[in-house]
Amino acid sequence: MPRFKLLIEYDGTPFVGWQLQAGGPSVQGLIAEAIAAFCGERVAVYGAGRTDAGVHALGQVAHFDLARDWRPDRVRDALNARLRPHPIAVLSAEKVEPGFDARFSAKRRHYLYRIVNRRADLALERHRAWRVPRRLDAAAMHEAAQALVGRHDFTTFRAAECQAKSPVKTLDRFAAERAGEEICVFASARSFLHHQVRSMVGSLVLVGEGKWSTKNLAAALAARSRNACGPVAPPEGLYLSSVEY
C-alpha cells in the first residue's frame, strides 16, 4: 500500500481551516474528496499543521495511503483537476516510506506573518495581510522578539481551547524584518500551541507602536497568564510557509 506525500499551497479565506469539521468546507476535506473522485478510494488525509480559518499555506505537507500504486505526477495533476476552482494547489506529490508521517515526522515548522504598515486600505492584499495604519518600529519589534526565543512556558500566548498537553515549547526563531511598507515576522519551532504565533505577533505590534517595551513583552511571557497577552493578530496575515523533515 503506497504512501504519498503532498506539498500544498492554499488561500485559507473561504475555509473553516485545514481540519475537517462541521460548519463549512475544509482543506483536508476537499483533498479527501478529490482523492475519492480521482481513484474511488475513501482515505484519511493527515496534515503537518492544523491551520485555522483564514490562515494560508505556502508549504503545507500531507500524507495518505492508497491501495493502488500511481505515478506521483499523475496523482498531483489528478488532484489539481478535481480541486478546481477552490484556491488549493498541490505543488508536488511523491511516494514516501510507510513510516513517514506528515505531522509526527516533522522536525520544524516555519510560519510567516505579513503586516502591511500603511494608512491606505488593502486592495490586492485584502485577506492576505494585516494592515496596521500606525507607524511601527520594526527594529524594536525584532529586538523584543528575541525575549521569546528559547524554551519557555508559553501559557500567555496559548489559546484557552488549546489541547496541547504542555504549554512548554522551544521557539527556535522569532524575527521581524521591514521591506518598504511591509513587515514580515518569522517564527520557527518544532511545534506551536494553538494561536501561539498570532498571539505573539499581536503583542509584538504593541512594541512596534511604542506601547510596550522589551521588558513588557518578557514580563508578559513570565506571567504565564492569558490575561497578560496583547491582542491576538488576525488570521489573514498568517502563512504556514514550510515544514522541515
Protein backbone atom coordinates (compact mmCIF):
# COMPACT_ATOMS: atom_id res chain seq x y z
CA MET A 1 0.00 0.00 0.00
CA PRO A 2 1.93 3.08 -1.21
CA ARG A 3 2.06 6.22 0.90
CA PHE A 4 2.02 9.59 -0.84
CA LYS A 5 3.33 12.91 0.42
CA LEU A 6 1.81 16.15 -0.89
CA LEU A 7 3.17 19.70 -0.83
CA ILE A 8 0.16 22.04 -0.80
CA GLU A 9 -0.50 25.75 -1.22
CA TYR A 10 -3.82 27.35 -0.34
CA ASP A 11 -5.64 30.58 0.37
CA GLY A 12 -7.39 29.95 3.69
CA THR A 13 -10.00 32.70 3.28
CA PRO A 14 -13.01 30.53 2.28
CA PHE A 15 -12.27 27.60 4.59
CA VAL A 16 -13.07 26.72 8.21
CA GLY A 17 -9.42 25.70 8.46
CA TRP A 18 -7.32 22.71 7.49
CA GLN A 19 -9.18 20.21 9.64
CA LEU A 20 -12.40 18.53 8.58
CA GLN A 21 -15.27 19.88 10.71
CA ALA A 22 -18.93 20.78 10.61
CA GLY A 23 -19.90 24.26 9.54
CA GLY A 24 -18.11 24.71 6.24
CA PRO A 25 -15.52 23.45 3.74
CA SER A 26 -12.07 22.46 4.97
CA VAL A 27 -8.84 21.94 3.05
CA GLN A 28 -8.44 18.43 4.45
CA GLY A 29 -11.99 17.51 3.47
CA LEU A 30 -11.72 18.84 -0.08
CA ILE A 31 -8.45 16.99 -0.69
CA ALA A 32 -10.03 13.76 0.58
CA GLU A 33 -12.96 14.33 -1.79
CA ALA A 34 -10.58 14.96 -4.69
CA ILE A 35 -8.76 11.68 -3.94
CA ALA A 36 -12.05 9.80 -3.90
CA ALA A 37 -13.11 11.39 -7.19
CA PHE A 38 -9.78 10.52 -8.75
CA CYS A 39 -9.40 6.87 -7.76
CA GLY A 40 -12.57 5.88 -5.92
CA GLU A 41 -10.83 5.38 -2.57
CA ARG A 42 -12.03 6.99 0.65
CA VAL A 43 -8.88 7.68 2.62
CA ALA A 44 -7.75 9.72 5.63
CA VAL A 45 -5.53 12.70 4.81
CA TYR A 46 -3.09 13.78 7.53
CA GLY A 47 -1.56 17.27 7.58
CA ALA A 48 1.57 18.72 9.17
CA GLY A 49 -0.27 21.70 10.66
CA ARG A 50 -3.88 22.35 11.58
CA THR A 51 -4.19 25.88 10.26
CA ASP A 52 -7.20 27.86 11.50
CA ALA A 53 -9.94 29.51 9.47
CA GLY A 54 -8.49 32.25 7.29
CA VAL A 55 -4.87 31.10 7.68
CA HIS A 56 -2.95 30.38 4.47
CA ALA A 57 -0.25 27.90 3.46
CA LEU A 58 2.69 28.18 1.12
CA GLY A 59 4.05 24.77 2.06
CA GLN A 60 1.57 22.60 3.94
CA VAL A 61 2.51 18.91 3.87
CA ALA A 62 0.08 15.98 3.97
CA HIS A 63 0.20 12.22 3.56
CA PHE A 64 -2.26 9.46 2.71
CA ASP A 65 -2.23 5.79 1.66
CA LEU A 66 -3.75 4.26 -1.45
CA ALA A 67 -4.44 0.62 -2.24
CA ARG A 68 -3.24 1.02 -5.83
CA ASP A 69 0.11 2.36 -6.95
CA TRP A 70 0.08 5.52 -9.09
CA ARG A 71 2.72 7.71 -10.66
CA PRO A 72 3.21 10.72 -8.36
CA ASP A 73 2.87 13.24 -11.18
CA ARG A 74 -0.46 11.68 -12.12
CA VAL A 75 -1.66 11.98 -8.51
CA ARG A 76 -0.65 15.65 -8.44
CA ASP A 77 -2.35 16.51 -11.74
CA ALA A 78 -5.50 14.48 -11.00
CA LEU A 79 -5.97 16.13 -7.61
CA ASN A 80 -5.44 19.62 -9.01
CA ALA A 81 -8.01 18.96 -11.75
CA ARG A 82 -10.59 17.96 -9.13
CA LEU A 83 -9.77 20.72 -6.65
CA ARG A 84 -10.59 23.50 -9.11
CA PRO A 85 -11.97 26.13 -8.61
CA HIS A 86 -11.08 26.02 -4.91
CA PRO A 87 -7.94 28.06 -4.05
CA ILE A 88 -5.91 24.92 -3.28
CA ALA A 89 -2.94 23.74 -5.34
CA VAL A 90 -0.96 20.51 -4.97
CA LEU A 91 2.55 21.67 -5.82
CA SER A 92 4.08 18.20 -5.76
CA ALA A 93 3.35 14.57 -4.94
CA GLU A 94 5.88 11.88 -4.13
CA LYS A 95 5.95 8.34 -2.79
CA VAL A 96 7.49 8.02 0.67
CA GLU A 97 8.35 5.25 3.11
CA PRO A 98 5.44 3.72 5.08
CA GLY A 99 6.80 5.20 8.31
CA PHE A 100 6.60 8.81 7.09
CA ASP A 101 4.02 10.91 8.95
CA ALA A 102 3.31 14.47 7.84
CA ARG A 103 2.69 15.57 11.42
CA PHE A 104 4.89 13.44 13.64
CA SER A 105 7.93 13.17 11.34
CA ALA A 106 8.25 16.97 11.15
CA LYS A 107 11.41 18.42 12.73
CA ARG A 108 10.48 22.08 12.40
CA ARG A 109 7.59 24.22 11.18
CA HIS A 110 8.12 27.69 9.74
CA TYR A 111 5.46 30.40 9.81
CA LEU A 112 5.35 33.81 8.19
CA TYR A 113 3.16 36.65 9.40
CA ARG A 114 2.67 39.58 6.99
CA ILE A 115 1.90 43.09 8.24
CA VAL A 116 1.29 45.91 5.77
CA ASN A 117 2.15 49.09 7.64
CA ARG A 118 0.32 51.90 5.81
CA ARG A 119 -2.62 54.25 6.14
CA ALA A 120 -4.39 53.21 2.95
CA ASP A 121 -6.70 50.21 2.94
CA LEU A 122 -5.65 46.99 1.26
CA ALA A 123 -6.94 46.18 -2.20
CA LEU A 124 -4.80 43.42 -3.73
CA GLU A 125 -3.61 42.16 -0.33
CA ARG A 126 -7.03 42.09 1.32
CA HIS A 127 -7.43 38.85 3.34
CA ARG A 128 -3.72 38.11 2.82
CA ALA A 129 -2.09 40.51 5.28
CA TRP A 130 -2.87 42.56 8.39
CA ARG A 131 -3.00 46.29 7.73
CA VAL A 132 -1.68 48.31 10.66
CA PRO A 133 -2.06 52.05 9.93
CA ARG A 134 0.14 53.33 12.77
CA ARG A 135 3.86 53.53 12.02
CA LEU A 136 5.66 50.51 13.53
CA ASP A 137 9.28 50.36 14.69
CA ALA A 138 10.39 47.07 13.11
CA ALA A 139 13.83 47.22 14.75
CA ALA A 140 12.25 47.47 18.21
CA MET A 141 9.93 44.60 17.34
CA HIS A 142 12.84 42.40 16.29
CA GLU A 143 14.83 43.23 19.43
CA ALA A 144 11.86 42.45 21.69
CA ALA A 145 11.09 39.24 19.82
CA GLN A 146 14.37 37.75 20.99
CA ALA A 147 12.98 37.67 24.55
CA LEU A 148 10.66 34.87 23.43
CA VAL A 149 13.27 32.74 21.66
CA GLY A 150 14.24 29.55 23.51
CA ARG A 151 12.44 27.02 25.69
CA HIS A 152 9.66 28.64 27.74
CA ASP A 153 6.24 28.15 29.22
CA PHE A 154 4.11 29.95 26.61
CA THR A 155 0.83 29.89 28.57
CA THR A 156 0.43 33.65 28.00
CA PHE A 157 0.37 33.10 24.23
CA ARG A 158 -1.82 29.99 24.26
CA ALA A 159 -5.50 29.90 23.29
CA ALA A 160 -7.91 28.90 26.05
CA GLU A 161 -9.12 25.96 23.93
CA CYS A 162 -5.59 24.69 23.18
CA GLN A 163 -5.42 20.90 23.59
CA ALA A 164 -1.63 20.56 23.88
CA LYS A 165 -0.54 18.52 26.89
CA SER A 166 2.08 21.08 27.91
CA PRO A 167 2.49 24.85 27.38
CA VAL A 168 6.28 24.44 27.23
CA LYS A 169 7.69 24.87 23.73
CA THR A 170 11.06 25.71 22.20
CA LEU A 171 10.91 28.70 19.86
CA ASP A 172 13.91 28.46 17.52
CA ARG A 173 13.40 31.74 15.68
CA PHE A 174 11.25 34.84 16.10
CA ALA A 175 12.26 37.75 13.90
CA ALA A 176 10.77 40.90 12.39
CA GLU A 177 12.05 42.47 9.17
CA ARG A 178 10.81 45.51 7.27
CA ALA A 179 10.82 45.75 3.46
CA GLY A 180 9.22 49.02 2.41
CA GLU A 181 5.74 49.23 3.90
CA GLU A 182 5.64 45.52 4.76
CA ILE A 183 6.88 43.94 7.96
CA CYS A 184 7.42 40.18 7.89
CA VAL A 185 7.51 38.26 11.15
CA PHE A 186 9.13 34.81 11.02
CA ALA A 187 8.54 32.09 13.62
CA SER A 188 10.12 28.62 13.66
CA ALA A 189 9.72 25.73 16.09
CA ARG A 190 9.14 22.00 16.08
CA SER A 191 5.56 22.66 17.13
CA PHE A 192 3.37 25.51 18.31
CA LEU A 193 0.47 25.98 20.70
CA HIS A 194 -2.96 26.93 19.37
CA HIS A 195 -2.88 30.65 18.39
CA GLN A 196 0.70 30.98 19.66
CA VAL A 197 2.10 32.75 16.61
CA ARG A 198 -0.84 35.14 16.25
CA SER A 199 -0.74 35.91 19.98
CA MET A 200 2.98 36.65 19.90
CA VAL A 201 2.63 38.85 16.80
CA GLY A 202 -0.23 40.82 18.35
CA SER A 203 1.91 41.54 21.42
CA LEU A 204 4.89 42.40 19.21
CA VAL A 205 2.83 45.05 17.42
CA LEU A 206 2.33 46.77 20.79
CA VAL A 207 6.12 47.04 20.94
CA GLY A 208 6.23 48.45 17.42
CA GLU A 209 3.68 51.09 18.39
CA GLY A 210 5.74 52.11 21.41
CA LYS A 211 3.10 50.95 23.90
CA TRP A 212 5.25 48.05 25.17
CA SER A 213 8.98 47.64 25.66
CA THR A 214 11.11 44.50 25.50
CA LYS A 215 10.72 44.31 29.29
CA ASN A 216 6.93 44.39 28.97
CA LEU A 217 6.99 41.51 26.47
CA ALA A 218 9.33 39.48 28.70
CA ALA A 219 7.08 40.20 31.69
CA ALA A 220 4.03 39.01 29.74
CA LEU A 221 5.82 35.74 28.98
CA ALA A 222 6.86 35.32 32.62
CA ALA A 223 3.30 35.96 33.84
CA ARG A 224 2.13 32.67 32.33
CA SER A 225 -1.36 34.12 32.11
CA ARG A 226 -3.57 34.62 29.09
CA ASN A 227 -4.65 37.95 30.61
CA ALA A 228 -1.10 39.27 30.11
CA CYS A 229 -1.22 38.74 26.33
CA GLY A 230 -1.73 41.58 23.91
CA PRO A 231 -4.48 41.46 21.25
CA VAL A 232 -4.35 38.39 19.01
CA ALA A 233 -3.33 39.22 15.44
CA PRO A 234 -5.99 38.36 12.82
CA PRO A 235 -5.67 35.09 10.87
CA GLU A 236 -5.38 36.57 7.38
CA GLY A 237 -1.74 37.58 7.83
CA LEU A 238 -0.51 34.12 8.83
CA TYR A 239 1.06 31.57 6.48
CA LEU A 240 2.42 28.09 7.12
CA SER A 241 5.44 28.66 4.90
CA SER A 242 7.28 25.34 5.10
CA VAL A 243 7.85 22.16 7.10
CA GLU A 244 11.23 20.51 7.67
CA TYR A 245 11.73 16.75 7.82
